[in-house]
Amino acid sequence: MISSLHGTVLHASPDHVVVDVGGVGFSVAVPTDVAHTATVGERVQLHTSLIVREDALSLYGFAQRDELEIFGLLISVTGVGPKSALGVLSHLTVDQIAEAVTAEDDAPFRRVSGIGPKTAKLIVVQLAGKVQPTGPVSKPAAGTGSDVVAQVTAALVGLGWSEKVAAEAAAQTAEEASEAERAAVAPLLRRTLALLGPARV
């Protein structure tokens, strides 16, 4: 079992990277946030899962171990294969997944390509009690800074970024922005777009 890789990025595309480890190049399917930040020539460490099929051996890699653990839980759900599980982790953070499951909300999963209503409901049901959000599950009040961040995130998703990348970038920008910028969507969106650069589809 290949449980981790630490090496140099030889190639990066929107859905996978090739990592050189001791002269051997490993092709690893990764979430979009990993692919977005991977830079050819730089070193990367990935927590990996080797999926064995009759006709293929496939590696799936994640920047954080908790993402790998969620990946394992997702592929245990009826109807969710490795590619669909990777799609979920490309669009949602571990906390967003845990919050949706805890709130019994299958809508975030239905927005992932390849996940239908029935499978989304199964994810919520079969992961219940297995994942826990790090903070309280609540909806932000209208007009708060959190609401502005949510609107910026939604705008970025509409422009082509995954929900996961958009949410993380919007949150990072909000932390660095002034109070006035955090109070309105337009200035915070401009700062976040400057941080992200061109969308990678």
N, C-alpha and C. Protein backbone atom coordinates (compact mmCIF):
# COMPACT_ATOMS: atom_id res chain seq x y z
N MET A 1 0.84 -1.19 0.00
CA MET A 1 0.00 0.00 0.00
C MET A 1 0.88 1.25 0.00
N ILE A 2 0.61 2.18 -0.92
CA ILE A 2 1.32 3.46 -0.97
C ILE A 2 0.48 4.46 -0.20
N SER A 3 0.95 4.84 1.00
CA SER A 3 0.14 5.70 1.86
C SER A 3 0.56 7.17 1.82
N SER A 4 1.73 7.45 1.24
CA SER A 4 2.14 8.85 1.09
C SER A 4 3.23 8.95 0.04
N LEU A 5 3.37 10.13 -0.52
CA LEU A 5 4.42 10.42 -1.49
C LEU A 5 5.04 11.76 -1.14
N HIS A 6 6.37 11.85 -1.26
CA HIS A 6 7.07 13.11 -1.02
C HIS A 6 8.12 13.24 -2.12
N GLY A 7 7.88 14.17 -3.03
CA GLY A 7 8.81 14.30 -4.13
C GLY A 7 8.60 15.59 -4.90
N THR A 8 9.15 15.64 -6.11
CA THR A 8 9.12 16.84 -6.94
C THR A 8 8.03 16.74 -7.99
N VAL A 9 7.28 17.82 -8.18
CA VAL A 9 6.21 17.85 -9.18
C VAL A 9 6.82 17.92 -10.58
N LEU A 10 6.52 16.91 -11.39
CA LEU A 10 6.99 16.88 -12.78
C LEU A 10 5.95 17.46 -13.73
N HIS A 11 4.68 17.32 -13.37
CA HIS A 11 3.59 17.78 -14.24
C HIS A 11 2.37 18.05 -13.38
N ALA A 12 1.60 19.08 -13.74
CA ALA A 12 0.36 19.39 -13.02
C ALA A 12 -0.73 19.75 -14.01
N SER A 13 -1.88 19.13 -13.85
CA SER A 13 -3.05 19.43 -14.68
C SER A 13 -4.23 19.67 -13.74
N PRO A 14 -5.40 20.06 -14.27
CA PRO A 14 -6.54 20.35 -13.39
C PRO A 14 -7.02 19.19 -12.52
N ASP A 15 -6.65 17.94 -12.87
CA ASP A 15 -7.17 16.83 -12.08
C ASP A 15 -6.11 15.85 -11.58
N HIS A 16 -4.85 16.05 -11.94
CA HIS A 16 -3.82 15.13 -11.44
C HIS A 16 -2.45 15.79 -11.50
N VAL A 17 -1.53 15.21 -10.74
CA VAL A 17 -0.13 15.64 -10.79
C VAL A 17 0.74 14.41 -10.95
N VAL A 18 1.94 14.63 -11.48
CA VAL A 18 2.94 13.56 -11.56
C VAL A 18 4.07 13.95 -10.62
N VAL A 19 4.35 13.06 -9.66
CA VAL A 19 5.36 13.34 -8.64
C VAL A 19 6.54 12.40 -8.82
N ASP A 20 7.74 12.99 -8.91
CA ASP A 20 8.97 12.21 -9.04
C ASP A 20 9.48 11.85 -7.65
N VAL A 21 9.47 10.55 -7.35
CA VAL A 21 9.99 10.06 -6.07
C VAL A 21 11.12 9.09 -6.36
N GLY A 22 12.34 9.51 -6.11
CA GLY A 22 13.49 8.64 -6.35
C GLY A 22 13.65 8.19 -7.78
N GLY A 23 13.29 9.07 -8.73
CA GLY A 23 13.44 8.74 -10.14
C GLY A 23 12.25 8.04 -10.75
N VAL A 24 11.21 7.78 -9.95
CA VAL A 24 9.99 7.15 -10.46
C VAL A 24 8.86 8.17 -10.42
N GLY A 25 8.18 8.35 -11.55
CA GLY A 25 7.08 9.30 -11.62
C GLY A 25 5.76 8.65 -11.29
N PHE A 26 5.09 9.13 -10.27
CA PHE A 26 3.78 8.61 -9.87
C PHE A 26 2.69 9.58 -10.32
N SER A 27 1.73 9.07 -11.08
CA SER A 27 0.57 9.88 -11.47
C SER A 27 -0.47 9.77 -10.37
N VAL A 28 -0.86 10.93 -9.83
CA VAL A 28 -1.77 10.95 -8.68
C VAL A 28 -2.96 11.85 -8.99
N ALA A 29 -4.17 11.29 -8.90
CA ALA A 29 -5.38 12.10 -9.04
C ALA A 29 -5.55 12.93 -7.76
N VAL A 30 -5.81 14.22 -7.91
CA VAL A 30 -5.85 15.12 -6.75
C VAL A 30 -7.06 16.05 -6.84
N PRO A 31 -7.49 16.60 -5.69
CA PRO A 31 -8.54 17.62 -5.71
C PRO A 31 -8.05 18.87 -6.44
N THR A 32 -8.99 19.71 -6.87
CA THR A 32 -8.61 20.88 -7.66
C THR A 32 -7.74 21.87 -6.90
N ASP A 33 -7.89 21.95 -5.56
CA ASP A 33 -7.07 22.91 -4.83
C ASP A 33 -5.60 22.48 -4.83
N VAL A 34 -5.34 21.17 -4.80
CA VAL A 34 -3.97 20.68 -4.87
C VAL A 34 -3.39 20.93 -6.26
N ALA A 35 -4.20 20.62 -7.28
CA ALA A 35 -3.75 20.84 -8.66
C ALA A 35 -3.51 22.32 -8.92
N HIS A 36 -4.34 23.17 -8.30
CA HIS A 36 -4.24 24.62 -8.51
C HIS A 36 -2.95 25.18 -7.93
N THR A 37 -2.48 24.61 -6.83
CA THR A 37 -1.29 25.14 -6.15
C THR A 37 -0.01 24.40 -6.51
N ALA A 38 -0.13 23.23 -7.15
CA ALA A 38 1.07 22.46 -7.50
C ALA A 38 1.90 23.20 -8.55
N THR A 39 3.18 23.29 -8.32
CA THR A 39 4.08 23.99 -9.24
C THR A 39 5.19 23.05 -9.69
N VAL A 40 5.36 22.94 -11.00
CA VAL A 40 6.39 22.07 -11.55
C VAL A 40 7.76 22.49 -11.00
N GLY A 41 8.51 21.51 -10.53
CA GLY A 41 9.84 21.76 -9.99
C GLY A 41 9.88 21.92 -8.48
N GLU A 42 8.70 22.13 -7.86
CA GLU A 42 8.66 22.27 -6.41
C GLU A 42 8.31 20.94 -5.76
N ARG A 43 8.66 20.80 -4.49
CA ARG A 43 8.39 19.56 -3.78
C ARG A 43 7.00 19.59 -3.19
N VAL A 44 6.42 18.41 -3.09
CA VAL A 44 5.06 18.28 -2.56
C VAL A 44 4.96 17.01 -1.74
N GLN A 45 4.16 17.03 -0.72
CA GLN A 45 3.89 15.83 0.07
C GLN A 45 2.40 15.55 0.02
N LEU A 46 2.03 14.32 -0.34
CA LEU A 46 0.64 13.94 -0.47
C LEU A 46 0.34 12.71 0.37
N HIS A 47 -0.81 12.72 1.02
CA HIS A 47 -1.32 11.53 1.69
C HIS A 47 -2.16 10.79 0.64
N THR A 48 -1.86 9.52 0.42
CA THR A 48 -2.43 8.84 -0.74
C THR A 48 -3.23 7.59 -0.38
N SER A 49 -4.11 7.25 -1.31
CA SER A 49 -4.88 6.01 -1.24
C SER A 49 -4.71 5.28 -2.56
N LEU A 50 -4.29 4.03 -2.50
CA LEU A 50 -4.13 3.22 -3.71
C LEU A 50 -5.39 2.39 -3.91
N ILE A 51 -6.08 2.65 -5.02
CA ILE A 51 -7.30 1.92 -5.34
C ILE A 51 -6.97 0.85 -6.37
N VAL A 52 -7.22 -0.40 -6.02
CA VAL A 52 -6.90 -1.53 -6.88
C VAL A 52 -8.16 -2.01 -7.60
N ARG A 53 -8.11 -2.04 -8.92
CA ARG A 53 -9.19 -2.57 -9.73
C ARG A 53 -8.62 -3.66 -10.64
N GLU A 54 -9.48 -4.42 -11.25
CA GLU A 54 -9.01 -5.51 -12.11
C GLU A 54 -8.14 -5.00 -13.25
N ASP A 55 -8.47 -3.81 -13.76
CA ASP A 55 -7.76 -3.31 -14.94
C ASP A 55 -6.85 -2.12 -14.64
N ALA A 56 -6.73 -1.72 -13.37
CA ALA A 56 -5.91 -0.53 -13.09
C ALA A 56 -5.54 -0.42 -11.62
N LEU A 57 -4.41 0.25 -11.38
CA LEU A 57 -4.00 0.67 -10.04
C LEU A 57 -4.01 2.19 -10.06
N SER A 58 -4.82 2.83 -9.22
CA SER A 58 -4.97 4.28 -9.26
C SER A 58 -4.62 4.89 -7.91
N LEU A 59 -3.82 5.97 -7.96
CA LEU A 59 -3.44 6.68 -6.74
C LEU A 59 -4.25 7.98 -6.63
N TYR A 60 -4.77 8.23 -5.43
CA TYR A 60 -5.49 9.46 -5.14
C TYR A 60 -4.76 10.15 -3.99
N GLY A 61 -4.44 11.43 -4.17
CA GLY A 61 -3.62 12.11 -3.17
C GLY A 61 -4.26 13.38 -2.63
N PHE A 62 -3.93 13.68 -1.36
CA PHE A 62 -4.53 14.82 -0.65
C PHE A 62 -3.47 15.53 0.18
N ALA A 63 -3.64 16.85 0.31
CA ALA A 63 -2.67 17.64 1.07
C ALA A 63 -2.75 17.36 2.56
N GLN A 64 -3.96 17.05 3.05
CA GLN A 64 -4.16 16.84 4.48
C GLN A 64 -4.67 15.41 4.76
N ARG A 65 -4.26 14.87 5.91
CA ARG A 65 -4.67 13.51 6.24
C ARG A 65 -6.17 13.40 6.49
N ASP A 66 -6.80 14.47 7.03
CA ASP A 66 -8.24 14.38 7.27
C ASP A 66 -9.02 14.29 5.96
N GLU A 67 -8.47 14.86 4.88
CA GLU A 67 -9.10 14.71 3.57
C GLU A 67 -9.03 13.26 3.10
N LEU A 68 -7.89 12.62 3.33
CA LEU A 68 -7.73 11.21 2.98
C LEU A 68 -8.74 10.36 3.76
N GLU A 69 -8.93 10.68 5.04
CA GLU A 69 -9.87 9.92 5.86
C GLU A 69 -11.30 10.09 5.37
N ILE A 70 -11.67 11.32 5.00
CA ILE A 70 -13.01 11.57 4.46
C ILE A 70 -13.18 10.84 3.12
N PHE A 71 -12.11 10.83 2.32
CA PHE A 71 -12.14 10.11 1.04
C PHE A 71 -12.49 8.64 1.28
N GLY A 72 -11.84 8.04 2.29
CA GLY A 72 -12.12 6.65 2.61
C GLY A 72 -13.57 6.43 3.03
N LEU A 73 -14.12 7.38 3.80
CA LEU A 73 -15.52 7.28 4.21
C LEU A 73 -16.46 7.43 3.01
N LEU A 74 -16.13 8.35 2.13
CA LEU A 74 -17.00 8.60 0.98
C LEU A 74 -17.08 7.38 0.05
N ILE A 75 -15.93 6.74 -0.20
CA ILE A 75 -15.98 5.59 -1.12
C ILE A 75 -16.62 4.37 -0.47
N SER A 76 -16.89 4.45 0.84
CA SER A 76 -17.62 3.36 1.49
C SER A 76 -19.13 3.51 1.32
N VAL A 77 -19.55 4.68 0.83
CA VAL A 77 -20.98 4.94 0.62
C VAL A 77 -21.44 4.26 -0.67
N THR A 78 -22.57 3.60 -0.62
CA THR A 78 -23.12 2.93 -1.79
C THR A 78 -23.28 3.90 -2.95
N GLY A 79 -22.69 3.57 -4.09
CA GLY A 79 -22.84 4.40 -5.29
C GLY A 79 -21.79 5.48 -5.45
N VAL A 80 -20.87 5.60 -4.49
CA VAL A 80 -19.81 6.62 -4.58
C VAL A 80 -18.48 5.93 -4.88
N GLY A 81 -17.95 6.18 -6.08
CA GLY A 81 -16.65 5.64 -6.45
C GLY A 81 -15.54 6.64 -6.16
N PRO A 82 -14.30 6.26 -6.41
CA PRO A 82 -13.18 7.15 -6.12
C PRO A 82 -13.26 8.49 -6.85
N LYS A 83 -13.68 8.49 -8.11
CA LYS A 83 -13.74 9.75 -8.87
C LYS A 83 -14.82 10.67 -8.30
N SER A 84 -15.96 10.10 -7.92
CA SER A 84 -17.02 10.92 -7.32
C SER A 84 -16.58 11.47 -5.97
N ALA A 85 -15.89 10.63 -5.17
CA ALA A 85 -15.39 11.07 -3.87
C ALA A 85 -14.38 12.20 -4.05
N LEU A 86 -13.53 12.08 -5.05
CA LEU A 86 -12.55 13.13 -5.33
C LEU A 86 -13.28 14.41 -5.75
N GLY A 87 -14.37 14.25 -6.51
CA GLY A 87 -15.16 15.41 -6.91
C GLY A 87 -15.74 16.14 -5.72
N VAL A 88 -16.22 15.37 -4.73
CA VAL A 88 -16.75 15.99 -3.51
C VAL A 88 -15.66 16.79 -2.81
N LEU A 89 -14.46 16.22 -2.70
CA LEU A 89 -13.36 16.89 -2.00
C LEU A 89 -12.74 18.02 -2.83
N SER A 90 -13.08 18.08 -4.11
CA SER A 90 -12.65 19.20 -4.94
C SER A 90 -13.56 20.40 -4.74
N HIS A 91 -14.80 20.14 -4.33
CA HIS A 91 -15.78 21.20 -4.18
C HIS A 91 -16.04 21.61 -2.74
N LEU A 92 -15.78 20.71 -1.79
CA LEU A 92 -16.11 20.99 -0.40
C LEU A 92 -14.92 20.70 0.51
N THR A 93 -14.74 21.52 1.54
CA THR A 93 -13.72 21.24 2.53
C THR A 93 -14.21 20.14 3.47
N VAL A 94 -13.31 19.62 4.27
CA VAL A 94 -13.70 18.59 5.24
C VAL A 94 -14.76 19.13 6.20
N ASP A 95 -14.60 20.38 6.65
CA ASP A 95 -15.58 20.97 7.55
C ASP A 95 -16.93 21.17 6.87
N GLN A 96 -16.92 21.59 5.60
CA GLN A 96 -18.18 21.76 4.87
C GLN A 96 -18.91 20.43 4.72
N ILE A 97 -18.16 19.36 4.49
CA ILE A 97 -18.77 18.03 4.40
C ILE A 97 -19.38 17.64 5.74
N ALA A 98 -18.62 17.84 6.81
CA ALA A 98 -19.09 17.49 8.15
C ALA A 98 -20.32 18.31 8.54
N GLU A 99 -20.30 19.61 8.21
CA GLU A 99 -21.43 20.47 8.53
C GLU A 99 -22.69 20.04 7.78
N ALA A 100 -22.53 19.69 6.49
CA ALA A 100 -23.68 19.26 5.70
C ALA A 100 -24.27 17.96 6.24
N VAL A 101 -23.39 17.02 6.60
CA VAL A 101 -23.86 15.75 7.15
C VAL A 101 -24.56 15.97 8.48
N THR A 102 -23.96 16.78 9.34
CA THR A 102 -24.54 17.05 10.66
C THR A 102 -25.88 17.74 10.56
N ALA A 103 -26.00 18.65 9.57
CA ALA A 103 -27.25 19.39 9.38
C ALA A 103 -28.26 18.60 8.53
N GLU A 104 -27.87 17.39 8.10
CA GLU A 104 -28.71 16.54 7.25
C GLU A 104 -29.12 17.28 5.98
N ASP A 105 -28.14 18.00 5.42
CA ASP A 105 -28.36 18.81 4.22
C ASP A 105 -27.61 18.17 3.06
N ASP A 106 -28.33 17.60 2.10
CA ASP A 106 -27.67 16.94 0.98
C ASP A 106 -27.44 17.88 -0.21
N ALA A 107 -27.90 19.13 -0.11
CA ALA A 107 -27.77 20.07 -1.23
C ALA A 107 -26.33 20.28 -1.69
N PRO A 108 -25.35 20.46 -0.76
CA PRO A 108 -23.97 20.66 -1.23
C PRO A 108 -23.45 19.48 -2.05
N PHE A 109 -23.87 18.28 -1.73
CA PHE A 109 -23.41 17.10 -2.47
C PHE A 109 -24.07 17.00 -3.84
N ARG A 110 -25.33 17.46 -3.93
CA ARG A 110 -26.04 17.42 -5.20
C ARG A 110 -25.42 18.38 -6.22
N ARG A 111 -24.68 19.38 -5.73
CA ARG A 111 -24.05 20.34 -6.65
C ARG A 111 -22.75 19.79 -7.24
N VAL A 112 -22.31 18.65 -6.77
CA VAL A 112 -21.08 18.03 -7.29
C VAL A 112 -21.41 17.20 -8.53
N SER A 113 -20.67 17.41 -9.59
CA SER A 113 -20.89 16.66 -10.83
C SER A 113 -20.77 15.15 -10.58
N GLY A 114 -21.75 14.40 -11.04
CA GLY A 114 -21.72 12.95 -10.87
C GLY A 114 -22.42 12.44 -9.64
N ILE A 115 -22.86 13.35 -8.76
CA ILE A 115 -23.59 12.97 -7.56
C ILE A 115 -25.06 13.33 -7.74
N GLY A 116 -25.93 12.32 -7.86
CA GLY A 116 -27.35 12.55 -8.02
C GLY A 116 -28.06 12.69 -6.68
N PRO A 117 -29.34 13.03 -6.70
CA PRO A 117 -30.10 13.22 -5.45
C PRO A 117 -30.08 12.00 -4.53
N LYS A 118 -30.24 10.81 -5.09
CA LYS A 118 -30.26 9.60 -4.28
C LYS A 118 -28.91 9.37 -3.60
N THR A 119 -27.83 9.52 -4.37
CA THR A 119 -26.49 9.32 -3.81
C THR A 119 -26.17 10.39 -2.77
N ALA A 120 -26.59 11.63 -3.03
CA ALA A 120 -26.36 12.71 -2.07
C ALA A 120 -27.02 12.40 -0.74
N LYS A 121 -28.24 11.88 -0.81
CA LYS A 121 -28.95 11.53 0.42
C LYS A 121 -28.25 10.37 1.13
N LEU A 122 -27.74 9.42 0.37
CA LEU A 122 -27.02 8.29 0.97
C LEU A 122 -25.75 8.75 1.68
N ILE A 123 -25.06 9.74 1.11
CA ILE A 123 -23.85 10.26 1.75
C ILE A 123 -24.20 10.81 3.13
N VAL A 124 -25.28 11.59 3.19
CA VAL A 124 -25.70 12.19 4.46
C VAL A 124 -26.07 11.11 5.47
N VAL A 125 -26.81 10.10 5.01
CA VAL A 125 -27.29 9.05 5.91
C VAL A 125 -26.14 8.16 6.39
N GLN A 126 -25.30 7.72 5.45
CA GLN A 126 -24.26 6.75 5.79
C GLN A 126 -23.05 7.37 6.50
N LEU A 127 -22.87 8.70 6.38
CA LEU A 127 -21.77 9.35 7.08
C LEU A 127 -22.21 9.94 8.42
N ALA A 128 -23.51 9.86 8.71
CA ALA A 128 -24.02 10.41 9.97
C ALA A 128 -23.32 9.75 11.16
N GLY A 129 -22.80 10.57 12.08
CA GLY A 129 -22.10 10.07 13.25
C GLY A 129 -20.64 9.74 13.01
N LYS A 130 -20.20 9.77 11.75
CA LYS A 130 -18.81 9.42 11.43
C LYS A 130 -17.94 10.65 11.23
N VAL A 131 -18.56 11.81 10.99
CA VAL A 131 -17.82 13.05 10.81
C VAL A 131 -18.40 14.12 11.72
N GLN A 132 -17.54 14.99 12.23
CA GLN A 132 -17.99 16.05 13.13
C GLN A 132 -17.35 17.37 12.71
N PRO A 133 -18.15 18.44 12.56
CA PRO A 133 -17.58 19.75 12.24
C PRO A 133 -16.77 20.27 13.41
N THR A 134 -15.78 21.10 13.13
CA THR A 134 -14.93 21.63 14.19
C THR A 134 -15.60 22.77 14.96
N GLY A 135 -16.61 23.38 14.36
CA GLY A 135 -17.33 24.46 15.03
C GLY A 135 -18.82 24.22 15.00
N PRO A 136 -19.61 25.12 15.61
CA PRO A 136 -21.06 24.98 15.61
C PRO A 136 -21.64 25.11 14.21
N VAL A 137 -22.68 24.37 13.93
CA VAL A 137 -23.33 24.41 12.62
C VAL A 137 -24.44 25.45 12.69
N SER A 138 -24.27 26.53 11.97
CA SER A 138 -25.28 27.58 11.98
C SER A 138 -25.21 28.38 10.69
N LYS A 139 -26.29 29.05 10.37
CA LYS A 139 -26.33 29.89 9.19
C LYS A 139 -25.99 31.31 9.59
N PRO A 140 -25.11 31.99 8.85
CA PRO A 140 -24.73 33.36 9.23
C PRO A 140 -25.89 34.31 9.08
N ALA A 141 -25.96 35.30 9.98
CA ALA A 141 -27.02 36.30 9.90
C ALA A 141 -26.77 37.23 8.73
N ALA A 142 -27.85 37.72 8.11
CA ALA A 142 -27.74 38.61 6.96
C ALA A 142 -26.99 39.87 7.36
N GLY A 143 -26.12 40.33 6.45
CA GLY A 143 -25.41 41.57 6.69
C GLY A 143 -24.13 41.42 7.47
N THR A 144 -23.78 40.23 7.90
CA THR A 144 -22.54 40.04 8.65
C THR A 144 -21.38 39.84 7.70
N GLY A 145 -20.15 39.89 8.25
CA GLY A 145 -18.98 39.63 7.43
C GLY A 145 -19.02 38.24 6.83
N SER A 146 -19.55 37.28 7.60
CA SER A 146 -19.65 35.90 7.09
C SER A 146 -20.57 35.85 5.89
N ASP A 147 -21.63 36.66 5.89
CA ASP A 147 -22.57 36.69 4.77
C ASP A 147 -21.88 37.25 3.53
N VAL A 148 -21.05 38.26 3.70
CA VAL A 148 -20.31 38.83 2.57
C VAL A 148 -19.34 37.80 2.01
N VAL A 149 -18.65 37.08 2.88
CA VAL A 149 -17.73 36.03 2.43
C VAL A 149 -18.49 34.96 1.65
N ALA A 150 -19.67 34.60 2.13
CA ALA A 150 -20.50 33.59 1.44
C ALA A 150 -20.89 34.08 0.06
N GLN A 151 -21.22 35.36 -0.06
CA GLN A 151 -21.60 35.91 -1.36
C GLN A 151 -20.41 35.96 -2.31
N VAL A 152 -19.25 36.31 -1.78
CA VAL A 152 -18.04 36.31 -2.61
C VAL A 152 -17.72 34.90 -3.08
N THR A 153 -17.88 33.94 -2.18
CA THR A 153 -17.65 32.53 -2.53
C THR A 153 -18.57 32.11 -3.66
N ALA A 154 -19.86 32.45 -3.54
CA ALA A 154 -20.84 32.10 -4.58
C ALA A 154 -20.48 32.74 -5.91
N ALA A 155 -20.01 33.98 -5.87
CA ALA A 155 -19.62 34.67 -7.10
C ALA A 155 -18.44 33.98 -7.77
N LEU A 156 -17.47 33.56 -6.96
CA LEU A 156 -16.29 32.88 -7.50
C LEU A 156 -16.65 31.53 -8.12
N VAL A 157 -17.58 30.81 -7.46
CA VAL A 157 -18.05 29.54 -8.02
C VAL A 157 -18.68 29.78 -9.38
N GLY A 158 -19.47 30.87 -9.49
CA GLY A 158 -20.08 31.22 -10.77
C GLY A 158 -19.07 31.56 -11.84
N LEU A 159 -17.88 32.01 -11.41
CA LEU A 159 -16.82 32.36 -12.36
C LEU A 159 -15.93 31.18 -12.73
N GLY A 160 -16.18 30.02 -12.11
CA GLY A 160 -15.46 28.81 -12.54
C GLY A 160 -14.59 28.13 -11.51
N TRP A 161 -14.44 28.72 -10.31
CA TRP A 161 -13.66 28.04 -9.27
C TRP A 161 -14.53 27.04 -8.54
N SER A 162 -13.92 26.03 -7.97
CA SER A 162 -14.66 25.08 -7.16
C SER A 162 -15.07 25.77 -5.87
N GLU A 163 -16.10 25.24 -5.22
CA GLU A 163 -16.58 25.83 -3.97
C GLU A 163 -15.50 25.80 -2.90
N LYS A 164 -14.72 24.73 -2.90
CA LYS A 164 -13.65 24.59 -1.90
C LYS A 164 -12.60 25.68 -2.06
N VAL A 165 -12.08 25.84 -3.28
CA VAL A 165 -11.05 26.85 -3.54
C VAL A 165 -11.60 28.24 -3.29
N ALA A 166 -12.84 28.47 -3.74
CA ALA A 166 -13.46 29.79 -3.57
C ALA A 166 -13.63 30.15 -2.10
N ALA A 167 -14.12 29.20 -1.30
CA ALA A 167 -14.36 29.46 0.12
C ALA A 167 -13.07 29.75 0.86
N GLU A 168 -12.02 28.97 0.57
CA GLU A 168 -10.75 29.16 1.25
C GLU A 168 -10.12 30.51 0.88
N ALA A 169 -10.21 30.88 -0.41
CA ALA A 169 -9.63 32.15 -0.86
C ALA A 169 -10.40 33.33 -0.28
N ALA A 170 -11.73 33.24 -0.28
CA ALA A 170 -12.55 34.33 0.26
C ALA A 170 -12.28 34.52 1.75
N ALA A 171 -12.15 33.42 2.48
CA ALA A 171 -11.88 33.50 3.92
C ALA A 171 -10.51 34.11 4.18
N GLN A 172 -9.52 33.70 3.39
CA GLN A 172 -8.16 34.24 3.56
C GLN A 172 -8.14 35.73 3.27
N THR A 173 -8.82 36.16 2.20
CA THR A 173 -8.86 37.57 1.85
C THR A 173 -9.57 38.38 2.93
N ALA A 174 -10.64 37.83 3.49
CA ALA A 174 -11.40 38.53 4.52
C ALA A 174 -10.53 38.79 5.76
N GLU A 175 -9.66 37.82 6.07
CA GLU A 175 -8.77 37.99 7.23
C GLU A 175 -7.78 39.12 7.02
N GLU A 176 -7.36 39.32 5.76
CA GLU A 176 -6.33 40.32 5.45
C GLU A 176 -6.93 41.67 5.10
N ALA A 177 -8.25 41.71 4.80
CA ALA A 177 -8.88 42.94 4.34
C ALA A 177 -9.20 43.88 5.49
N SER A 178 -9.45 45.14 5.14
CA SER A 178 -9.86 46.13 6.13
C SER A 178 -11.33 45.89 6.50
N GLU A 179 -11.77 46.52 7.57
CA GLU A 179 -13.16 46.35 8.00
C GLU A 179 -14.13 46.85 6.94
N ALA A 180 -13.78 47.93 6.26
CA ALA A 180 -14.64 48.47 5.20
C ALA A 180 -14.75 47.50 4.03
N GLU A 181 -13.62 46.86 3.67
CA GLU A 181 -13.64 45.90 2.56
C GLU A 181 -14.45 44.67 2.91
N ARG A 182 -14.38 44.26 4.19
CA ARG A 182 -15.14 43.07 4.62
C ARG A 182 -16.64 43.34 4.67
N ALA A 183 -17.03 44.58 4.66
CA ALA A 183 -18.45 44.93 4.81
C ALA A 183 -19.21 44.93 3.49
N ALA A 184 -18.51 44.85 2.37
CA ALA A 184 -19.17 44.91 1.06
C ALA A 184 -18.61 43.84 0.14
N VAL A 185 -19.47 43.34 -0.75
CA VAL A 185 -19.09 42.23 -1.63
C VAL A 185 -18.06 42.66 -2.67
N ALA A 186 -18.30 43.80 -3.35
CA ALA A 186 -17.47 44.19 -4.49
C ALA A 186 -15.99 44.33 -4.14
N PRO A 187 -15.61 45.10 -3.10
CA PRO A 187 -14.18 45.22 -2.81
C PRO A 187 -13.54 43.91 -2.36
N LEU A 188 -14.29 43.11 -1.60
CA LEU A 188 -13.73 41.83 -1.15
C LEU A 188 -13.57 40.88 -2.33
N LEU A 189 -14.51 40.94 -3.27
CA LEU A 189 -14.42 40.09 -4.46
C LEU A 189 -13.20 40.49 -5.30
N ARG A 190 -12.96 41.80 -5.44
CA ARG A 190 -11.80 42.26 -6.22
C ARG A 190 -10.49 41.77 -5.60
N ARG A 191 -10.40 41.87 -4.27
CA ARG A 191 -9.19 41.41 -3.59
C ARG A 191 -8.99 39.90 -3.76
N THR A 192 -10.09 39.16 -3.69
CA THR A 192 -9.99 37.69 -3.80
C THR A 192 -9.60 37.28 -5.21
N LEU A 193 -10.14 37.97 -6.21
CA LEU A 193 -9.78 37.69 -7.61
C LEU A 193 -8.29 37.97 -7.84
N ALA A 194 -7.80 39.03 -7.23
CA ALA A 194 -6.37 39.34 -7.35
C ALA A 194 -5.51 38.25 -6.73
N LEU A 195 -6.01 37.68 -5.63
CA LEU A 195 -5.28 36.59 -4.97
C LEU A 195 -5.27 35.31 -5.81
N LEU A 196 -6.40 34.98 -6.42
CA LEU A 196 -6.54 33.73 -7.15
C LEU A 196 -5.89 33.76 -8.53
N GLY A 197 -6.00 34.90 -9.20
CA GLY A 197 -5.51 34.94 -10.57
C GLY A 197 -6.52 34.29 -11.51
N PRO A 198 -6.11 33.94 -12.74
CA PRO A 198 -7.05 33.36 -13.72
C PRO A 198 -7.63 32.04 -13.23
N ALA A 199 -8.91 31.82 -13.52
CA ALA A 199 -9.56 30.55 -13.15
C ALA A 199 -8.95 29.41 -13.93
N ARG A 200 -8.77 28.26 -13.24
CA ARG A 200 -8.29 27.04 -13.90
C ARG A 200 -9.44 26.06 -13.99
N VAL A 201 -9.91 25.83 -15.18
CA VAL A 201 -11.05 24.95 -15.38
C VAL A 201 -10.57 23.55 -15.71
